[in-house]
Amino acid sequence: MYNSYLSKNIQNLVLSNIDNEKLKENDSIFSDHGILLQFKYSLNYYDKDLDYWLPHNDIIINNGELLKFYQENTKYQRIRSKYLLNHYHQNNTKDGKISIKKCYESDLINTNILPKELFINCLKMIESDSNNIILPYSIILSILEKVIRNIIYWKSGSQCIVGRMLRDLLDDPILSDVIGKETTLILKLLIGPPISLNLRNVVWHGFISPNNDELDLSLLLYIIHVTLTILHQTHQHKVLIKDSSESYSLNTKLTKYKQPSEDIQVPFVSLSKCQIETILKSTEFILPNRLNQWLSSLEHYYIYTQSPMDKRDCMDLYYSLVLLLPQLEHSLRVLFVKTNDQLSKEFLLADYTSFYTTLEIFLSQQLILSPISNGLEKQLQVPTTSKSYTKYENPKYSTSINTNSNNMSENVTFNNIMIVNLGAGTVGLLLDLFIYQYGPKLRDKIAHFEVDPNTIPLKLVELVWQVSLSLSLKFTKPKFLEDHKEFQNIISFTDEYKPMFHDKSKSLGYQNEFKGLVSQLETFCSTNLTESNSINNEVLQEYIGDMKYKPVISGINVNEKYENLQTVYHHYIDKTKDQVAFNYDLFPGKIEVTVQTWLKKIELISIKIVTEFKDIGYKYYQSVIVDQNSTKRSQNSFYKWIGITEHFILYLKTLVLHYHYYIFMEQYSNKDICYLEKLYHHLELIYQKVPPYEWDVILKLIYTYSIN
């Protein structure tokens, strides 16, 4: 347990007393509109201009020199931020509180490049309580990243760049072209690489403590004015959406992602607020000086859930997650380091000398501990089948350091004990919420402001609280659970949880969708294409019964092939009848991931095939049979369409079982990958023949490629 989880570098900049005597009292700090004046930086002791210190990824800079430059200039910005705070205390106070009315009344925020209403709300939060600023601090940092992303997107006119790392955004030449090199440098010093203050990462990954001097108001005010200055520069460059005032234009609605079923009953919701507070106050999972953060998050959750339906504000769910997610991550980080003996306390810190331990790292099953630089410092990496891999580039901002990742004799590979201790259910829920590619990836989406905050589903927030409370209960004293047996179902739910966003879960979802479409097609044929159908029965008789089209394909005995396909179909019925549940490998290997990738591609094209085939049949039935308003060509095509449906439906039903079998397999091989890849290309050929109505060709393709 530590008082601070910041590196010494950041502590010296944030926590130490910064002397502002270097700034003259008559220095103008900002204009009436909130624009920072005289973006100052220091090039002392260097013979390079500013271009040298703003490298793109292909430029290598000596680390010692760059580190010294960043430390000197970051400290200089801290002096300016302290001076800014003094200015506010002297000139902008009301009833003893800081007034930043000039900022939220500035014409600069009348732009669709940032979420105006949310930005103003954050400024008013600061005015209301400048001693409790973690919520506006976190949101404003996210908004600043969104502004940077929007500038690059709208100015370049390129495809949406959601998902790019902040480090890469700050290195994009479009950004410096719009806001200037000086402003770009200030951004790098404040929120940029780990050798800077790196505030965005330090706050959002939970390193900074919200209840002491680590949350510096002067820096937050400075960031606000930097943001206003950037908005001024974007106005000059006319970086605006041309045809919309929607401030979330680049943001995906979180509801776009597959959501947990509303039928899932999350047990903690039956508890009272008082009961949940009892859990939070009794656990060792939550760090003592961070309890208030959890309680504030809970307060916003209850404001939402206890409000009348027509009065609920979705922003309360957003605020709840903004407050909760960094604290949940940091509690897991502390647990991760505590349970893995290989790790020193440095892995608890936001330290530029090693890779940050983030969710992607400590929610991995196996890790590699490897030396960097002179071998005294170490980094954590996630192993793959080919090489050591990490999401983060070298934090010293250079490719010149030798990471020794290929020298396996110096690396230590170990299993993550925390994963074992937490259990499959808890880990599966954490992976579902934060890691799996088909899941909501809540921490990433919210921290990087990549989703509209108004679209956060209540069920996802409930699941985050569910796993948080389950973890909290697991780290209470045994007597606590003995005395509160009513909490046991919270642990049980999480322990028994099965992932919804796992690769196999996604494949099963597509398979069920495909199965449903095939069933619809079969029902349509059995209901409408029969002699019992009274709609224009006389016309229909020309297409069914003895008059039905009997396909003839050169070199193929269609009847024999149909019987063979029936044998395959019944074979798969036998093979899949006992496959009612599958075991999730929470951390699937490369072969399984590749199999599931091909399987999903196959299922998606199968869905397209049956949808197209079904829609064509529906259309012809309406025009030829119901309306009797069709051309001879349409009538002939419908005649052949009916003739192959029996064969085609059997083929599709066999594919449904085939996919089911592959989803439920427990082991895969490279042979499976080759087979599925060939099947995909075969289905592509079938799909290409559906719109041109080449029914005989489709039937030939069905019977010239055998399903294994």
Foldseek 3Di string as FASTA:
>chain_A
DDPAQADPLLCCQQVDDQDLPVDDPPDDQADLLLAGPDLDFDPPPHPDDLVVLQDAQVDFDDLVVNLVRLSRRLSVVSSSLVVVVVCQQVPADDPNFGDPVSLLVRPLLQALLFDNVVLVVLNVVCRVPVLQNLLSLLVLLLRLLSSLQLQVCQVVVDPRDPPDDSQNSLSDVSSCVQLNSSLSVVCCQCCNFLSHSVVLCCSLLQRGQRNDSSPPSSSSSVSSSSSSNSSVSCVVVVSHDDPDSNSCVQAAQLPVFDDPDPPDDQPVVVDDLVVLLVLLVFFPLADPSRSVLLNQLSVLLCVQVVDPPVPHALVSLLSSCSSPNSRNFLSLQVVQQVQDVVHDSNQSHSHLLEDHDTPVQLLAFKWKWFAKAPRPTIYIFHDAPPWTDDPDDRSSSRPPIDRCRVVCVRMDMDGRVVDVVLADLLSLLVCQDANQPSHSNVSSCSSNVRHDSRNDDPVSSSSVVLSVSLVSVVRGDPVVCVVCVVCVVSVVCSNPHDHCRPLLNVLVVLLVLLVVLLVVLVVCCVPCLDCPHPQQSVLSVCQDDPNADADDDPPDDLVVLLVVLVVLQVVLCVVCVPLPDADDPSNDHPQLVLLSVLSSLQSVLSSLLSVLLSVLLVVLCCCCGRVVHDDPVSVVLNSLSSNCSVVVSSLSSSVSSVSSNSSRDDDDDVVSSVVSVVSSVLSVVLSVCRVVSPSSVNSVSSRVDDDD
